[in-house]
Amino acid sequence: MRAALAWVVVVSVLGSCLMVGGCSFLEVSGPPRPAPRDGRVECTDSRVYPIADVVAAALGAGLAGAIALSPPSGENPGGTAIVLGIAGVGIVTAAIGTLSALYGFSKVGDCRRAKARAAGT
């Protein structure tokens, strides 16, 4: 039952992150500084969240690109503001996703190196 609940939480967080980006900012932690004396390094060594950020960034950029390339419609003069707003959401999502992915991949790399040092490899 606990494992099922844990999966529900992970899927919910990933789903939310894909909507707005920023998974790594919320979920990734780098290794502690200074390194613990007991050799146990607690940090995020999985690339799941940075990859989710890359997907969110790609979806945001795709949305903005699709809106930018769509021909304007003369049927709804007030629709231009809505279209620009949607494109803006795509651009912001792409920017947040990109920055968060960079942060996440950096912290995951730091974590993996710290764990390798602690293991003596």
N, C-alpha and C. Protein backbone atom coordinates (compact mmCIF):
# COMPACT_ATOMS: atom_id res chain seq x y z
N MET A 1 0.82 -1.20 0.00
CA MET A 1 0.00 0.00 0.00
C MET A 1 0.87 1.26 0.00
N ARG A 2 1.94 1.26 0.82
CA ARG A 2 2.82 2.43 0.86
C ARG A 2 3.51 2.66 -0.47
N ALA A 3 3.93 1.56 -1.12
CA ALA A 3 4.60 1.68 -2.41
C ALA A 3 3.65 2.28 -3.44
N ALA A 4 2.40 1.87 -3.41
CA ALA A 4 1.41 2.42 -4.34
C ALA A 4 1.20 3.91 -4.09
N LEU A 5 1.14 4.29 -2.82
CA LEU A 5 0.98 5.70 -2.48
C LEU A 5 2.19 6.50 -2.92
N ALA A 6 3.39 5.93 -2.76
CA ALA A 6 4.61 6.62 -3.19
C ALA A 6 4.58 6.86 -4.70
N TRP A 7 4.12 5.86 -5.46
CA TRP A 7 4.04 6.03 -6.91
C TRP A 7 3.01 7.09 -7.29
N VAL A 8 1.92 7.15 -6.58
CA VAL A 8 0.90 8.17 -6.84
C VAL A 8 1.50 9.55 -6.62
N VAL A 9 2.27 9.71 -5.56
CA VAL A 9 2.91 11.00 -5.27
C VAL A 9 3.91 11.35 -6.37
N VAL A 10 4.76 10.39 -6.76
CA VAL A 10 5.76 10.66 -7.80
C VAL A 10 5.08 11.03 -9.11
N VAL A 11 4.06 10.28 -9.51
CA VAL A 11 3.36 10.56 -10.76
C VAL A 11 2.66 11.92 -10.69
N SER A 12 2.09 12.26 -9.54
CA SER A 12 1.43 13.56 -9.38
C SER A 12 2.42 14.70 -9.49
N VAL A 13 3.58 14.55 -8.84
CA VAL A 13 4.60 15.60 -8.91
C VAL A 13 5.11 15.75 -10.33
N LEU A 14 5.41 14.63 -10.98
CA LEU A 14 5.90 14.71 -12.37
C LEU A 14 4.85 15.31 -13.29
N GLY A 15 3.59 14.94 -13.10
CA GLY A 15 2.52 15.51 -13.92
C GLY A 15 2.41 17.02 -13.72
N SER A 16 2.51 17.45 -12.48
CA SER A 16 2.45 18.89 -12.19
C SER A 16 3.65 19.60 -12.80
N CYS A 17 4.81 18.99 -12.69
CA CYS A 17 6.02 19.61 -13.24
C CYS A 17 5.94 19.74 -14.76
N LEU A 18 5.37 18.74 -15.40
CA LEU A 18 5.24 18.82 -16.85
C LEU A 18 4.31 19.95 -17.26
N MET A 19 3.40 20.33 -16.39
CA MET A 19 2.49 21.43 -16.70
C MET A 19 3.18 22.78 -16.59
N VAL A 20 4.10 22.92 -15.65
CA VAL A 20 4.72 24.24 -15.42
C VAL A 20 6.23 24.22 -15.41
N GLY A 21 6.86 23.06 -15.41
CA GLY A 21 8.31 22.98 -15.32
C GLY A 21 8.76 23.25 -13.90
N GLY A 22 10.05 23.14 -13.67
CA GLY A 22 10.59 23.44 -12.36
C GLY A 22 10.72 22.26 -11.43
N CYS A 23 10.61 21.03 -11.95
CA CYS A 23 10.72 19.84 -11.10
C CYS A 23 12.03 19.83 -10.32
N SER A 24 13.11 20.09 -11.00
CA SER A 24 14.42 19.99 -10.34
C SER A 24 14.56 21.03 -9.23
N PHE A 25 14.03 22.23 -9.45
CA PHE A 25 14.10 23.23 -8.39
C PHE A 25 13.39 22.74 -7.13
N LEU A 26 12.32 21.98 -7.32
CA LEU A 26 11.51 21.51 -6.19
C LEU A 26 12.01 20.21 -5.59
N GLU A 27 12.50 19.31 -6.40
CA GLU A 27 12.74 17.94 -5.96
C GLU A 27 14.18 17.46 -5.91
N VAL A 28 15.12 18.16 -6.53
CA VAL A 28 16.50 17.68 -6.60
C VAL A 28 17.34 18.35 -5.51
N SER A 29 18.11 17.53 -4.80
CA SER A 29 19.03 18.09 -3.80
C SER A 29 20.43 17.59 -4.10
N GLY A 30 21.37 18.50 -3.99
CA GLY A 30 22.77 18.16 -4.20
C GLY A 30 23.36 17.56 -2.94
N PRO A 31 24.63 17.17 -3.00
CA PRO A 31 25.26 16.57 -1.83
C PRO A 31 25.48 17.63 -0.74
N PRO A 32 25.49 17.18 0.51
CA PRO A 32 25.71 18.13 1.60
C PRO A 32 27.14 18.66 1.57
N ARG A 33 27.30 19.89 2.02
CA ARG A 33 28.61 20.51 2.12
C ARG A 33 28.82 20.92 3.56
N PRO A 34 29.86 20.55 4.21
CA PRO A 34 30.90 19.62 3.77
C PRO A 34 30.39 18.18 3.77
N ALA A 35 31.18 17.30 3.17
CA ALA A 35 30.78 15.89 3.09
C ALA A 35 30.70 15.30 4.49
N PRO A 36 29.69 14.47 4.74
CA PRO A 36 29.56 13.86 6.07
C PRO A 36 30.74 12.94 6.39
N ARG A 37 31.11 12.90 7.65
CA ARG A 37 32.26 12.09 8.07
C ARG A 37 31.96 10.59 8.01
N ASP A 38 30.70 10.22 8.14
CA ASP A 38 30.37 8.79 8.13
C ASP A 38 30.32 8.20 6.72
N GLY A 39 30.49 9.01 5.69
CA GLY A 39 30.54 8.53 4.32
C GLY A 39 29.18 8.35 3.67
N ARG A 40 28.10 8.59 4.40
CA ARG A 40 26.76 8.46 3.82
C ARG A 40 26.37 9.77 3.15
N VAL A 41 26.19 9.72 1.87
CA VAL A 41 25.83 10.91 1.12
C VAL A 41 24.36 10.80 0.72
N GLU A 42 23.54 11.71 1.23
CA GLU A 42 22.12 11.73 0.93
C GLU A 42 21.84 12.87 -0.06
N CYS A 43 21.51 12.50 -1.28
CA CYS A 43 21.18 13.50 -2.30
C CYS A 43 20.47 12.79 -3.45
N THR A 44 20.06 13.55 -4.44
CA THR A 44 19.32 13.01 -5.58
C THR A 44 20.31 12.57 -6.65
N ASP A 45 20.31 11.26 -6.96
CA ASP A 45 21.20 10.77 -8.01
C ASP A 45 20.44 10.31 -9.26
N SER A 46 19.13 10.51 -9.26
CA SER A 46 18.30 10.13 -10.40
C SER A 46 18.09 11.32 -11.33
N ARG A 47 18.08 11.05 -12.62
CA ARG A 47 17.87 12.11 -13.62
C ARG A 47 16.41 12.27 -14.01
N VAL A 48 15.50 11.64 -13.28
CA VAL A 48 14.08 11.69 -13.65
C VAL A 48 13.56 13.12 -13.68
N TYR A 49 13.82 13.89 -12.64
CA TYR A 49 13.27 15.25 -12.58
C TYR A 49 13.90 16.19 -13.62
N PRO A 50 15.22 16.17 -13.82
CA PRO A 50 15.76 17.02 -14.90
C PRO A 50 15.23 16.63 -16.28
N ILE A 51 15.03 15.34 -16.50
CA ILE A 51 14.47 14.92 -17.79
C ILE A 51 13.04 15.41 -17.94
N ALA A 52 12.26 15.36 -16.85
CA ALA A 52 10.90 15.90 -16.90
C ALA A 52 10.93 17.39 -17.21
N ASP A 53 11.94 18.10 -16.70
CA ASP A 53 12.08 19.53 -17.01
C ASP A 53 12.38 19.75 -18.49
N VAL A 54 13.21 18.88 -19.06
CA VAL A 54 13.51 18.98 -20.50
C VAL A 54 12.24 18.79 -21.30
N VAL A 55 11.43 17.81 -20.91
CA VAL A 55 10.16 17.56 -21.61
C VAL A 55 9.24 18.77 -21.47
N ALA A 56 9.15 19.33 -20.25
CA ALA A 56 8.30 20.52 -20.05
C ALA A 56 8.80 21.69 -20.90
N ALA A 57 10.12 21.87 -20.96
CA ALA A 57 10.68 22.95 -21.77
C ALA A 57 10.36 22.74 -23.25
N ALA A 58 10.48 21.50 -23.71
CA ALA A 58 10.18 21.21 -25.12
C ALA A 58 8.70 21.43 -25.43
N LEU A 59 7.83 21.02 -24.51
CA LEU A 59 6.40 21.24 -24.72
C LEU A 59 6.07 22.74 -24.73
N GLY A 60 6.68 23.48 -23.81
CA GLY A 60 6.45 24.93 -23.77
C GLY A 60 6.93 25.61 -25.04
N ALA A 61 8.13 25.22 -25.49
CA ALA A 61 8.67 25.81 -26.72
C ALA A 61 7.81 25.40 -27.93
N GLY A 62 7.35 24.15 -27.92
CA GLY A 62 6.49 23.70 -29.01
C GLY A 62 5.18 24.45 -29.04
N LEU A 63 4.60 24.68 -27.87
CA LEU A 63 3.36 25.46 -27.79
C LEU A 63 3.58 26.87 -28.32
N ALA A 64 4.64 27.51 -27.85
CA ALA A 64 4.92 28.88 -28.31
C ALA A 64 5.17 28.92 -29.82
N GLY A 65 5.92 27.92 -30.31
CA GLY A 65 6.20 27.87 -31.75
C GLY A 65 4.95 27.63 -32.57
N ALA A 66 4.10 26.73 -32.10
CA ALA A 66 2.86 26.44 -32.83
C ALA A 66 1.95 27.66 -32.88
N ILE A 67 1.88 28.37 -31.77
CA ILE A 67 1.05 29.59 -31.72
C ILE A 67 1.64 30.66 -32.64
N ALA A 68 2.97 30.80 -32.61
CA ALA A 68 3.62 31.83 -33.43
C ALA A 68 3.46 31.54 -34.92
N LEU A 69 3.44 30.27 -35.29
CA LEU A 69 3.34 29.90 -36.70
C LEU A 69 1.91 29.79 -37.21
N SER A 70 0.94 29.82 -36.30
CA SER A 70 -0.45 29.69 -36.74
C SER A 70 -0.90 30.99 -37.40
N PRO A 71 -1.66 30.88 -38.47
CA PRO A 71 -2.12 32.10 -39.16
C PRO A 71 -3.15 32.84 -38.30
N PRO A 72 -3.10 34.16 -38.31
CA PRO A 72 -4.07 34.93 -37.53
C PRO A 72 -5.47 34.76 -38.10
N SER A 73 -6.43 34.82 -37.21
CA SER A 73 -7.82 34.68 -37.63
C SER A 73 -8.49 36.05 -37.52
N GLY A 74 -9.18 36.46 -38.56
CA GLY A 74 -9.87 37.73 -38.54
C GLY A 74 -11.25 37.65 -37.92
N GLU A 75 -11.68 36.44 -37.54
CA GLU A 75 -13.01 36.26 -36.99
C GLU A 75 -13.16 36.80 -35.58
N ASN A 76 -12.08 36.81 -34.82
CA ASN A 76 -12.16 37.22 -33.43
C ASN A 76 -11.06 38.25 -33.15
N PRO A 77 -11.39 39.55 -33.27
CA PRO A 77 -10.35 40.56 -33.09
C PRO A 77 -9.74 40.56 -31.69
N GLY A 78 -10.48 40.16 -30.67
CA GLY A 78 -9.93 40.11 -29.32
C GLY A 78 -9.09 38.87 -29.08
N GLY A 79 -9.10 37.95 -30.03
CA GLY A 79 -8.38 36.70 -29.88
C GLY A 79 -6.88 36.85 -29.95
N THR A 80 -6.39 37.95 -30.52
CA THR A 80 -4.95 38.16 -30.63
C THR A 80 -4.30 38.21 -29.25
N ALA A 81 -4.92 38.90 -28.32
CA ALA A 81 -4.37 38.98 -26.96
C ALA A 81 -4.34 37.61 -26.30
N ILE A 82 -5.38 36.82 -26.53
CA ILE A 82 -5.42 35.48 -25.96
C ILE A 82 -4.31 34.62 -26.55
N VAL A 83 -4.14 34.71 -27.86
CA VAL A 83 -3.11 33.93 -28.54
C VAL A 83 -1.73 34.33 -28.03
N LEU A 84 -1.48 35.62 -27.89
CA LEU A 84 -0.19 36.08 -27.37
C LEU A 84 0.01 35.64 -25.93
N GLY A 85 -1.05 35.62 -25.15
CA GLY A 85 -0.97 35.15 -23.78
C GLY A 85 -0.60 33.68 -23.71
N ILE A 86 -1.21 32.88 -24.56
CA ILE A 86 -0.90 31.45 -24.59
C ILE A 86 0.55 31.23 -25.04
N ALA A 87 0.99 31.98 -26.04
CA ALA A 87 2.38 31.88 -26.48
C ALA A 87 3.33 32.29 -25.34
N GLY A 88 2.95 33.31 -24.58
CA GLY A 88 3.76 33.74 -23.45
C GLY A 88 3.88 32.66 -22.39
N VAL A 89 2.79 31.95 -22.14
CA VAL A 89 2.83 30.84 -21.18
C VAL A 89 3.80 29.77 -21.67
N GLY A 90 3.78 29.50 -22.96
CA GLY A 90 4.71 28.52 -23.53
C GLY A 90 6.15 28.96 -23.38
N ILE A 91 6.42 30.24 -23.62
CA ILE A 91 7.79 30.76 -23.49
C ILE A 91 8.25 30.69 -22.04
N VAL A 92 7.40 31.08 -21.11
CA VAL A 92 7.77 31.03 -19.69
C VAL A 92 7.99 29.59 -19.24
N THR A 93 7.14 28.67 -19.67
CA THR A 93 7.30 27.26 -19.32
C THR A 93 8.62 26.73 -19.88
N ALA A 94 8.94 27.10 -21.11
CA ALA A 94 10.21 26.67 -21.71
C ALA A 94 11.40 27.23 -20.94
N ALA A 95 11.32 28.48 -20.53
CA ALA A 95 12.43 29.09 -19.79
C ALA A 95 12.60 28.43 -18.42
N ILE A 96 11.51 28.26 -17.68
CA ILE A 96 11.59 27.64 -16.36
C ILE A 96 12.09 26.20 -16.49
N GLY A 97 11.56 25.47 -17.44
CA GLY A 97 11.98 24.08 -17.65
C GLY A 97 13.46 23.98 -17.99
N THR A 98 13.94 24.87 -18.83
CA THR A 98 15.35 24.85 -19.22
C THR A 98 16.26 25.16 -18.04
N LEU A 99 15.94 26.23 -17.30
CA LEU A 99 16.77 26.59 -16.14
C LEU A 99 16.73 25.50 -15.08
N SER A 100 15.56 24.95 -14.84
CA SER A 100 15.44 23.90 -13.85
C SER A 100 16.18 22.63 -14.27
N ALA A 101 16.14 22.29 -15.54
CA ALA A 101 16.87 21.12 -16.04
C ALA A 101 18.37 21.31 -15.87
N LEU A 102 18.87 22.48 -16.19
CA LEU A 102 20.30 22.77 -16.01
C LEU A 102 20.70 22.62 -14.54
N TYR A 103 19.89 23.19 -13.67
CA TYR A 103 20.13 23.08 -12.23
C TYR A 103 20.10 21.61 -11.80
N GLY A 104 19.08 20.88 -12.24
CA GLY A 104 18.92 19.48 -11.85
C GLY A 104 20.05 18.60 -12.33
N PHE A 105 20.44 18.72 -13.60
CA PHE A 105 21.53 17.91 -14.11
C PHE A 105 22.84 18.23 -13.38
N SER A 106 23.05 19.49 -13.04
CA SER A 106 24.25 19.89 -12.29
C SER A 106 24.27 19.25 -10.90
N LYS A 107 23.15 19.35 -10.18
CA LYS A 107 23.08 18.79 -8.82
C LYS A 107 23.17 17.26 -8.84
N VAL A 108 22.53 16.62 -9.81
CA VAL A 108 22.60 15.16 -9.92
C VAL A 108 24.05 14.74 -10.20
N GLY A 109 24.73 15.46 -11.07
CA GLY A 109 26.14 15.16 -11.35
C GLY A 109 27.00 15.32 -10.10
N ASP A 110 26.77 16.41 -9.36
CA ASP A 110 27.50 16.61 -8.10
C ASP A 110 27.24 15.47 -7.14
N CYS A 111 25.98 15.03 -7.05
CA CYS A 111 25.60 13.94 -6.16
C CYS A 111 26.30 12.65 -6.55
N ARG A 112 26.28 12.34 -7.83
CA ARG A 112 26.90 11.09 -8.28
C ARG A 112 28.41 11.10 -8.01
N ARG A 113 29.05 12.24 -8.22
CA ARG A 113 30.49 12.33 -7.94
C ARG A 113 30.75 12.18 -6.44
N ALA A 114 29.93 12.81 -5.62
CA ALA A 114 30.10 12.70 -4.17
C ALA A 114 29.90 11.27 -3.69
N LYS A 115 28.90 10.59 -4.24
CA LYS A 115 28.66 9.19 -3.85
C LYS A 115 29.81 8.30 -4.31
N ALA A 116 30.36 8.58 -5.48
CA ALA A 116 31.50 7.79 -5.97
C ALA A 116 32.72 8.01 -5.07
N ARG A 117 32.97 9.25 -4.66
CA ARG A 117 34.07 9.55 -3.74
C ARG A 117 33.87 8.84 -2.42
N ALA A 118 32.64 8.87 -1.91
CA ALA A 118 32.35 8.23 -0.62
C ALA A 118 32.52 6.72 -0.69
N ALA A 119 32.24 6.14 -1.86
CA ALA A 119 32.39 4.70 -2.04
C ALA A 119 33.83 4.31 -2.33
N GLY A 120 34.67 5.32 -2.60
CA GLY A 120 36.07 5.06 -2.86
C GLY A 120 36.39 4.66 -4.28
N THR A 121 35.50 4.99 -5.22
CA THR A 121 35.76 4.64 -6.63
C THR A 121 36.13 5.86 -7.41
